[in-house]
PDB file of N, CA and C in Angstrom:
ATOM      1  N   MET A   1    -220.927-129.779 -65.122  1.00  0.00           N
ATOM      2  CA  MET A   1    -219.741-128.652 -64.458  1.00  0.00           C
ATOM      3  C   MET A   1    -220.198-127.238 -64.803  1.00  0.00           C
ATOM      4  N   SER A   2    -220.369-126.672 -63.765  1.00  0.00           N
ATOM      5  CA  SER A   2    -220.925-125.398 -64.135  1.00  0.00           C
ATOM      6  C   SER A   2    -219.734-124.432 -64.615  1.00  0.00           C
ATOM      7  N   GLU A   3    -220.245-123.663 -64.889  1.00  0.00           N
ATOM      8  CA  GLU A   3    -218.840-122.843 -65.863  1.00  0.00           C
ATOM      9  C   GLU A   3    -218.520-121.325 -65.161  1.00  0.00           C
ATOM     10  N   ILE A   4    -217.098-121.341 -64.319  1.00  0.00           N
ATOM     11  CA  ILE A   4    -217.033-120.239 -63.742  1.00  0.00           C
ATOM     12  C   ILE A   4    -217.108-118.402 -64.295  1.00  0.00           C
ATOM     13  N   GLU A   5    -217.844-117.591 -64.018  1.00  0.00           N
ATOM     14  CA  GLU A   5    -217.838-116.413 -64.217  1.00  0.00           C
ATOM     15  C   GLU A   5    -216.923-115.745 -64.238  1.00  0.00           C
ATOM     16  N   GLN A   6    -216.046-115.384 -65.432  1.00  0.00           N
ATOM     17  CA  GLN A   6    -214.653-114.176 -65.433  1.00  0.00           C
ATOM     18  C   GLN A   6    -214.872-113.141 -65.583  1.00  0.00           C
ATOM     19  N   LYS A   7    -214.512-112.107 -64.239  1.00  0.00           N
ATOM     20  CA  LYS A   7    -215.147-111.002 -64.400  1.00  0.00           C
ATOM     21  C   LYS A   7    -214.045-110.323 -65.162  1.00  0.00           C
ATOM     22  N   ALA A   8    -214.532-109.259 -65.525  1.00  0.00           N
ATOM     23  CA  ALA A   8    -213.064-108.401 -66.101  1.00  0.00           C
ATOM     24  C   ALA A   8    -212.369-107.608 -65.353  1.00  0.00           C
ATOM     25  N   LYS A   9    -210.676-107.766 -65.924  1.00  0.00           N
ATOM     26  CA  LYS A   9    -209.778-107.312 -64.910  1.00  0.00           C
ATOM     27  C   LYS A   9    -210.319-105.895 -63.941  1.00  0.00           C
ATOM     28  N   PRO A  10    -210.569-104.464 -64.324  1.00  0.00           N
ATOM     29  CA  PRO A  10    -211.203-103.684 -63.215  1.00  0.00           C
ATOM     30  C   PRO A  10    -212.704-104.190 -62.249  1.00  0.00           C
ATOM     31  N   ASP A  11    -213.157-104.713 -62.575  1.00  0.00           N
ATOM     32  CA  ASP A  11    -213.841-105.299 -61.728  1.00  0.00           C
ATOM     33  C   ASP A  11    -213.148-106.172 -60.745  1.00  0.00           C
ATOM     34  N   TYR A  12    -212.492-107.286 -60.963  1.00  0.00           N
ATOM     35  CA  TYR A  12    -211.770-107.874 -60.443  1.00  0.00           C
ATOM     36  C   TYR A  12    -211.113-107.558 -59.218  1.00  0.00           C
ATOM     37  N   LEU A  13    -210.119-106.193 -59.895  1.00  0.00           N
ATOM     38  CA  LEU A  13    -209.287-105.306 -58.608  1.00  0.00           C
ATOM     39  C   LEU A  13    -209.947-104.608 -57.536  1.00  0.00           C
ATOM     40  N   ARG A  14    -211.691-104.340 -58.745  1.00  0.00           N
ATOM     41  CA  ARG A  14    -212.435-103.848 -57.376  1.00  0.00           C
ATOM     42  C   ARG A  14    -213.056-104.686 -56.140  1.00  0.00           C
ATOM     43  N   ASP A  15    -212.983-105.917 -56.457  1.00  0.00           N
ATOM     44  CA  ASP A  15    -213.262-106.625 -55.264  1.00  0.00           C
ATOM     45  C   ASP A  15    -212.350-106.994 -54.701  1.00  0.00           C
ATOM     46  N   VAL A  16    -210.670-106.711 -55.062  1.00  0.00           N
ATOM     47  CA  VAL A  16    -209.437-107.492 -54.429  1.00  0.00           C
ATOM     48  C   VAL A  16    -209.179-106.151 -53.233  1.00  0.00           C
ATOM     49  N   THR A  17    -209.420-104.916 -54.373  1.00  0.00           N
ATOM     50  CA  THR A  17    -209.651-103.487 -53.542  1.00  0.00           C
ATOM     51  C   THR A  17    -210.444-104.059 -52.450  1.00  0.00           C
ATOM     52  N   SER A  18    -211.310-103.809 -51.955  1.00  0.00           N
ATOM     53  CA  SER A  18    -212.584-103.820 -51.088  1.00  0.00           C
ATOM     54  C   SER A  18    -212.490-105.149 -50.107  1.00  0.00           C
ATOM     55  N   GLN A  19    -211.664-105.972 -50.746  1.00  0.00           N
ATOM     56  CA  GLN A  19    -211.306-106.717 -49.424  1.00  0.00           C
ATOM     57  C   GLN A  19    -209.998-106.630 -48.723  1.00  0.00           C
ATOM     58  N   LEU A  20    -208.915-106.004 -49.591  1.00  0.00           N
ATOM     59  CA  LEU A  20    -208.121-105.303 -48.746  1.00  0.00           C
ATOM     60  C   LEU A  20    -208.215-103.977 -47.878  1.00  0.00           C
ATOM     61  N   LYS A  21    -209.428-103.501 -47.683  1.00  0.00           N
ATOM     62  CA  LYS A  21    -209.767-102.086 -47.032  1.00  0.00           C
ATOM     63  C   LYS A  21    -210.629-102.958 -46.009  1.00  0.00           C
ATOM     64  N   GLU A  22    -211.146-104.246 -46.186  1.00  0.00           N
ATOM     65  CA  GLU A  22    -211.911-104.571 -44.715  1.00  0.00           C
ATOM     66  C   GLU A  22    -210.459-105.434 -44.000  1.00  0.00           C
ATOM     67  N   MET A  23    -209.679-106.334 -44.583  1.00  0.00           N
ATOM     68  CA  MET A  23    -208.232-106.281 -44.057  1.00  0.00           C
ATOM     69  C   MET A  23    -207.796-105.723 -43.456  1.00  0.00           C
ATOM     70  N   ARG A  24    -207.767-104.422 -44.027  1.00  0.00           N
ATOM     71  CA  ARG A  24    -206.690-103.228 -42.996  1.00  0.00           C
ATOM     72  C   ARG A  24    -207.672-102.666 -41.682  1.00  0.00           C
ATOM     73  N   HIS A  25    -209.063-102.967 -42.166  1.00  0.00           N
ATOM     74  CA  HIS A  25    -210.306-102.153 -40.904  1.00  0.00           C
ATOM     75  C   HIS A  25    -209.784-103.157 -39.759  1.00  0.00           C
ATOM     76  N   TYR A  26    -209.449-104.977 -39.887  1.00  0.00           N
ATOM     77  CA  TYR A  26    -209.676-105.595 -39.129  1.00  0.00           C
ATOM     78  C   TYR A  26    -207.965-105.669 -38.398  1.00  0.00           C
ATOM     79  N   ALA A  27    -207.249-104.991 -39.208  1.00  0.00           N
ATOM     80  CA  ALA A  27    -205.836-104.854 -39.034  1.00  0.00           C
ATOM     81  C   ALA A  27    -205.608-103.625 -37.889  1.00  0.00           C
ATOM     82  N   GLN A  28    -206.284-102.672 -37.982  1.00  0.00           N
ATOM     83  CA  GLN A  28    -206.224-101.344 -37.444  1.00  0.00           C
ATOM     84  C   GLN A  28    -206.686-101.703 -35.853  1.00  0.00           C
ATOM     85  N   THR A  29    -207.773-102.687 -35.752  1.00  0.00           N
ATOM     86  CA  THR A  29    -208.553-103.101 -34.590  1.00  0.00           C
ATOM     87  C   THR A  29    -207.748-104.289 -33.814  1.00  0.00           C
ATOM     88  N   ASN A  30    -207.268-104.562 -34.666  1.00  0.00           N
ATOM     89  CA  ASN A  30    -206.010-105.755 -34.040  1.00  0.00           C
ATOM     90  C   ASN A  30    -204.509-104.799 -33.183  1.00  0.00           C
ATOM     91  N   THR A  31    -204.505-103.509 -33.850  1.00  0.00           N
ATOM     92  CA  THR A  31    -203.296-102.425 -33.848  1.00  0.00           C
ATOM     93  C   THR A  31    -203.378-102.016 -32.590  1.00  0.00           C
ATOM     94  N   GLU A  32    -204.636-101.958 -31.952  1.00  0.00           N
ATOM     95  CA  GLU A  32    -205.566-100.706 -30.877  1.00  0.00           C
ATOM     96  C   GLU A  32    -205.498-101.835 -29.884  1.00  0.00           C
ATOM     97  N   THR A  33    -205.656-103.350 -30.126  1.00  0.00           N
ATOM     98  CA  THR A  33    -205.632-104.210 -29.210  1.00  0.00           C
ATOM     99  C   THR A  33    -204.058-104.422 -28.312  1.00  0.00           C
ATOM    100  N   LEU A  34    -203.368-104.709 -29.704  1.00  0.00           N
ATOM    101  CA  LEU A  34    -201.882-104.637 -29.137  1.00  0.00           C
ATOM    102  C   LEU A  34    -201.452-103.436 -28.465  1.00  0.00           C
ATOM    103  N   SER A  35    -201.823-102.381 -28.431  1.00  0.00           N
ATOM    104  CA  SER A  35    -201.582-101.067 -27.810  1.00  0.00           C
ATOM    105  C   SER A  35    -202.141-101.476 -26.782  1.00  0.00           C
ATOM    106  N   GLY A  36    -202.865-101.862 -26.586  1.00  0.00           N
ATOM    107  CA  GLY A  36    -203.858-101.833 -24.433  1.00  0.00           C
ATOM    108  C   GLY A  36    -203.141-102.910 -24.448  1.00  0.00           C
ATOM    109  N   HIS A  37    -202.613-103.845 -24.623  1.00  0.00           N
ATOM    110  CA  HIS A  37    -201.702-104.733 -23.801  1.00  0.00           C
ATOM    111  C   HIS A  37    -200.160-104.492 -23.726  1.00  0.00           C
ATOM    112  N   TRP A  38    -199.555-103.307 -24.824  1.00  0.00           N
ATOM    113  CA  TRP A  38    -198.514-102.620 -24.441  1.00  0.00           C
ATOM    114  C   TRP A  38    -198.014-101.929 -23.724  1.00  0.00           C
ATOM    115  N   LEU A  39    -199.019-101.173 -23.107  1.00  0.00           N
ATOM    116  CA  LEU A  39    -199.421-100.206 -22.260  1.00  0.00           C
ATOM    117  C   LEU A  39    -199.260-100.895 -21.247  1.00  0.00           C
ATOM    118  N   ALA A  40    -200.279-101.698 -20.652  1.00  0.00           N
ATOM    119  CA  ALA A  40    -200.454-102.651 -19.531  1.00  0.00           C
ATOM    120  C   ALA A  40    -198.771-103.570 -19.190  1.00  0.00           C
ATOM    121  N   PHE A  41    -198.227-103.536 -19.889  1.00  0.00           N
ATOM    122  CA  PHE A  41    -196.726-104.015 -19.579  1.00  0.00           C
ATOM    123  C   PHE A  41    -195.701-103.392 -19.300  1.00  0.00           C
ATOM    124  N   ASP A  42    -195.688-101.963 -20.432  1.00  0.00           N
ATOM    125  CA  ASP A  42    -194.843-101.325 -20.064  1.00  0.00           C
ATOM    126  C   ASP A  42    -194.719-100.279 -19.225  1.00  0.00           C
ATOM    127  N   ALA A  43    -196.092 -99.319 -18.823  1.00  0.00           N
ATOM    128  CA  ALA A  43    -196.389 -98.736 -18.440  1.00  0.00           C
ATOM    129  C   ALA A  43    -197.602 -98.699 -16.924  1.00  0.00           C
ATOM    130  N   GLY A  44    -198.146-100.024 -17.216  1.00  0.00           N
ATOM    131  CA  GLY A  44    -199.113-100.149 -17.097  1.00  0.00           C
ATOM    132  C   GLY A  44    -199.357-101.330 -15.846  1.00  0.00           C
ATOM    133  N   GLU A  45    -200.318-101.795 -15.106  1.00  0.00           N
ATOM    134  CA  GLU A  45    -200.333-102.435 -13.711  1.00  0.00           C
ATOM    135  C   GLU A  45    -199.459-103.517 -13.835  1.00  0.00           C
ATOM    136  N   TYR A  46    -199.267-104.231 -14.886  1.00  0.00           N
ATOM    137  CA  TYR A  46    -198.136-105.365 -15.085  1.00  0.00           C
ATOM    138  C   TYR A  46    -196.682-105.587 -15.471  1.00  0.00           C
ATOM    139  N   LYS A  47    -196.127-104.158 -15.507  1.00  0.00           N
ATOM    140  CA  LYS A  47    -194.569-103.592 -15.543  1.00  0.00           C
ATOM    141  C   LYS A  47    -193.566-105.038 -15.796  1.00  0.00           C
ATOM    142  N   ASP A  48    -194.156-105.319 -17.054  1.00  0.00           N
ATOM    143  CA  ASP A  48    -193.104-106.430 -17.401  1.00  0.00           C
ATOM    144  C   ASP A  48    -192.152-105.599 -18.792  1.00  0.00           C
ATOM    145  N   HIS A  49    -190.733-105.236 -18.465  1.00  0.00           N
ATOM    146  CA  HIS A  49    -190.522-104.725 -19.863  1.00  0.00           C
ATOM    147  C   HIS A  49    -189.998-106.237 -20.912  1.00  0.00           C
ATOM    148  N   ALA A  50    -189.761-106.884 -20.583  1.00  0.00           N
ATOM    149  CA  ALA A  50    -189.332-108.021 -21.465  1.00  0.00           C
ATOM    150  C   ALA A  50    -190.509-108.204 -22.735  1.00  0.00           C
ATOM    151  N   LEU A  51    -191.610-108.082 -21.590  1.00  0.00           N
ATOM    152  CA  LEU A  51    -193.247-108.661 -22.585  1.00  0.00           C
ATOM    153  C   LEU A  51    -193.575-107.308 -23.185  1.00  0.00           C
ATOM    154  N   ALA A  52    -193.521-106.092 -22.690  1.00  0.00           N
ATOM    155  CA  ALA A  52    -193.692-104.849 -23.241  1.00  0.00           C
ATOM    156  C   ALA A  52    -192.779-104.635 -25.119  1.00  0.00           C
ATOM    157  N   GLY A  53    -191.839-104.867 -24.677  1.00  0.00           N
ATOM    158  CA  GLY A  53    -190.677-105.352 -25.592  1.00  0.00           C
ATOM    159  C   GLY A  53    -191.169-105.854 -27.015  1.00  0.00           C
ATOM    160  N   ARG A  54    -191.636-107.549 -26.890  1.00  0.00           N
ATOM    161  CA  ARG A  54    -192.050-108.410 -27.423  1.00  0.00           C
ATOM    162  C   ARG A  54    -193.258-107.618 -27.964  1.00  0.00           C
ATOM    163  N   PHE A  55    -194.595-106.871 -26.977  1.00  0.00           N
ATOM    164  CA  PHE A  55    -195.537-106.342 -27.833  1.00  0.00           C
ATOM    165  C   PHE A  55    -194.904-104.838 -28.539  1.00  0.00           C
ATOM    166  N   ASP A  56    -194.264-104.868 -28.112  1.00  0.00           N
ATOM    167  CA  ASP A  56    -193.936-103.546 -29.194  1.00  0.00           C
ATOM    168  C   ASP A  56    -193.157-103.857 -30.523  1.00  0.00           C
ATOM    169  N   ALA A  57    -192.618-104.899 -30.799  1.00  0.00           N
ATOM    170  CA  ALA A  57    -192.072-105.644 -31.858  1.00  0.00           C
ATOM    171  C   ALA A  57    -193.264-105.706 -32.948  1.00  0.00           C
ATOM    172  N   LEU A  58    -194.365-106.332 -31.736  1.00  0.00           N
ATOM    173  CA  LEU A  58    -195.881-106.548 -32.993  1.00  0.00           C
ATOM    174  C   LEU A  58    -195.999-105.543 -33.334  1.00  0.00           C
ATOM    175  N   LEU A  59    -196.593-104.490 -32.455  1.00  0.00           N
ATOM    176  CA  LEU A  59    -196.766-102.942 -32.958  1.00  0.00           C
ATOM    177  C   LEU A  59    -196.580-102.252 -34.380  1.00  0.00           C
ATOM    178  N   ASN A  60    -194.621-102.651 -34.331  1.00  0.00           N
ATOM    179  CA  ASN A  60    -193.857-102.233 -35.222  1.00  0.00           C
ATOM    180  C   ASN A  60    -193.912-103.116 -36.561  1.00  0.00           C
ATOM    181  N   GLN A  61    -194.102-104.338 -36.391  1.00  0.00           N
ATOM    182  CA  GLN A  61    -194.932-105.352 -37.334  1.00  0.00           C
ATOM    183  C   GLN A  61    -196.180-105.013 -38.031  1.00  0.00           C
ATOM    184  N   GLN A  62    -196.547-104.484 -37.089  1.00  0.00           N
ATOM    185  CA  GLN A  62    -198.225-104.762 -37.595  1.00  0.00           C
ATOM    186  C   GLN A  62    -198.608-103.113 -38.099  1.00  0.00           C
ATOM    187  N   GLY A  63    -197.790-102.236 -37.609  1.00  0.00           N
ATOM    188  CA  GLY A  63    -197.969-100.601 -38.800  1.00  0.00           C
ATOM    189  C   GLY A  63    -197.307-101.610 -40.016  1.00  0.00           C
ATOM    190  N   GLN A  64    -195.793-101.940 -40.201  1.00  0.00           N
ATOM    191  CA  GLN A  64    -195.752-101.833 -41.749  1.00  0.00           C
ATOM    192  C   GLN A  64    -196.492-102.911 -42.474  1.00  0.00           C
ATOM    193  N   LEU A  65    -197.399-103.834 -41.853  1.00  0.00           N
ATOM    194  CA  LEU A  65    -198.842-104.433 -42.424  1.00  0.00           C
ATOM    195  C   LEU A  65    -199.397-103.193 -42.867  1.00  0.00           C
ATOM    196  N   LEU A  66    -199.837-102.457 -41.994  1.00  0.00           N
ATOM    197  CA  LEU A  66    -200.849-101.191 -42.365  1.00  0.00           C
ATOM    198  C   LEU A  66    -200.607-100.548 -43.532  1.00  0.00           C
ATOM    199  N   ASP A  67    -199.182-100.255 -43.373  1.00  0.00           N
ATOM    200  CA  ASP A  67    -198.680 -99.285 -44.446  1.00  0.00           C
ATOM    201  C   ASP A  67    -198.582 -99.952 -45.414  1.00  0.00           C
ATOM    202  N   GLU A  68    -198.403-101.052 -45.958  1.00  0.00           N
ATOM    203  CA  GLU A  68    -197.909-101.928 -47.124  1.00  0.00           C
ATOM    204  C   GLU A  68    -198.973-102.425 -47.298  1.00  0.00           C
ATOM    205  N   ILE A  69    -200.640-102.572 -46.695  1.00  0.00           N
ATOM    206  CA  ILE A  69    -201.625-102.664 -47.127  1.00  0.00           C
ATOM    207  C   ILE A  69    -201.953-101.548 -47.924  1.00  0.00           C
ATOM    208  N   ASP A  70    -201.973-100.515 -47.346  1.00  0.00           N
ATOM    209  CA  ASP A  70    -202.711 -98.949 -48.039  1.00  0.00           C
ATOM    210  C   ASP A  70    -201.913 -98.654 -49.289  1.00  0.00           C
ATOM    211  N   ALA A  71    -200.352 -99.337 -49.030  1.00  0.00           N
ATOM    212  CA  ALA A  71    -199.564 -98.715 -50.666  1.00  0.00           C
ATOM    213  C   ALA A  71    -200.523 -99.676 -51.581  1.00  0.00           C
ATOM    214  N   VAL A  72    -200.562-100.988 -51.484  1.00  0.00           N
ATOM    215  CA  VAL A  72    -200.904-101.938 -52.539  1.00  0.00           C
ATOM    216  C   VAL A  72    -202.350-101.351 -52.910  1.00  0.00           C
ATOM    217  N   VAL A  73    -203.310-100.987 -52.034  1.00  0.00           N
ATOM    218  CA  VAL A  73    -204.757-100.293 -52.061  1.00  0.00           C
ATOM    219  C   VAL A  73    -204.209 -99.367 -52.840  1.00  0.00           C
ATOM    220  N   GLN A  74    -203.447 -98.355 -52.812  1.00  0.00           N
ATOM    221  CA  GLN A  74    -203.479 -96.968 -53.021  1.00  0.00           C
ATOM    222  C   GLN A  74    -202.807 -97.499 -55.041  1.00  0.00           C
ATOM    223  N   ASP A  75    -201.883 -98.234 -55.229  1.00  0.00           N
ATOM    224  CA  ASP A  75    -201.736 -98.654 -56.522  1.00  0.00           C
ATOM    225  C   ASP A  75    -202.497 -99.634 -57.518  1.00  0.00           C
ATOM    226  N   ILE A  76    -203.248-100.222 -56.629  1.00  0.00           N
ATOM    227  CA  ILE A  76    -204.323-100.816 -57.246  1.00  0.00           C
ATOM    228  C   ILE A  76    -205.631 -99.851 -57.940  1.00  0.00           C
ATOM    229  N   GLU A  77    -205.816 -99.060 -57.118  1.00  0.00           N
ATOM    230  CA  GLU A  77    -206.688 -97.949 -57.493  1.00  0.00           C
ATOM    231  C   GLU A  77    -206.057 -96.654 -58.329  1.00  0.00           C
ATOM    232  N   ILE A  78    -204.961 -96.647 -58.646  1.00  0.00           N
ATOM    233  CA  ILE A  78    -204.127 -96.068 -59.815  1.00  0.00           C
ATOM    234  C   ILE A  78    -204.371 -97.183 -61.401  1.00  0.00           C
ATOM    235  N   GLN A  79    -204.217 -98.233 -61.061  1.00  0.00           N
ATOM    236  CA  GLN A  79    -204.128 -98.946 -61.854  1.00  0.00           C
ATOM    237  C   GLN A  79    -205.746 -99.025 -62.459  1.00  0.00           C
ATOM    238  N   ILE A  80    -206.720 -99.512 -61.668  1.00  0.00           N
ATOM    239  CA  ILE A  80    -208.219 -99.321 -61.955  1.00  0.00           C
ATOM    240  C   ILE A  80    -208.821 -98.046 -63.269  1.00  0.00           C
ATOM    241  N   ASN A  81    -207.631 -96.553 -62.460  1.00  0.00           N
ATOM    242  CA  ASN A  81    -208.370 -95.736 -63.049  1.00  0.00           C
ATOM    243  C   ASN A  81    -207.793 -95.602 -64.412  1.00  0.00           C
ATOM    244  N   GLN A  82    -206.299 -96.266 -64.639  1.00  0.00           N
ATOM    245  CA  GLN A  82    -205.770 -96.175 -65.807  1.00  0.00           C
ATOM    246  C   GLN A  82    -206.293 -96.842 -66.609  1.00  0.00           C
ATOM    247  N   GLU A  83    -206.657 -97.802 -66.239  1.00  0.00           N
ATOM    248  CA  GLU A  83    -207.472 -98.902 -67.242  1.00  0.00           C
ATOM    249  C   GLU A  83    -209.114 -98.298 -67.832  1.00  0.00           C
ATOM    250  N   THR A  84    -209.833 -97.850 -66.730  1.00  0.00           N
ATOM    251  CA  THR A  84    -210.807 -97.154 -67.057  1.00  0.00           C
ATOM    252  C   THR A  84    -211.234 -96.298 -68.020  1.00  0.00           C
ATOM    253  N   ALA A  85    -209.999 -95.781 -67.864  1.00  0.00           N
ATOM    254  CA  ALA A  85    -210.128 -94.124 -68.707  1.00  0.00           C
ATOM    255  C   ALA A  85    -210.368 -94.382 -69.971  1.00  0.00           C
TER     256      ALA A  85
END
């Protein structure tokens, strides 16, 4: 059975931060896609305010996710700096 190499905590935190930043990038792309759909249903060619409202709710949730990812990344980066100082 092979031994799994365990990383030092700061190295592991850097890996997690990198993954979160990548997730944030894709979440931002999803937000832009949702915005396009919202516009199409709210004021665009498909004018369906019920669907526009649902997309608006999704946009708000996605915005909250982006904010939370940013906050977690910032907290982890502070912790990395404290542990390596």
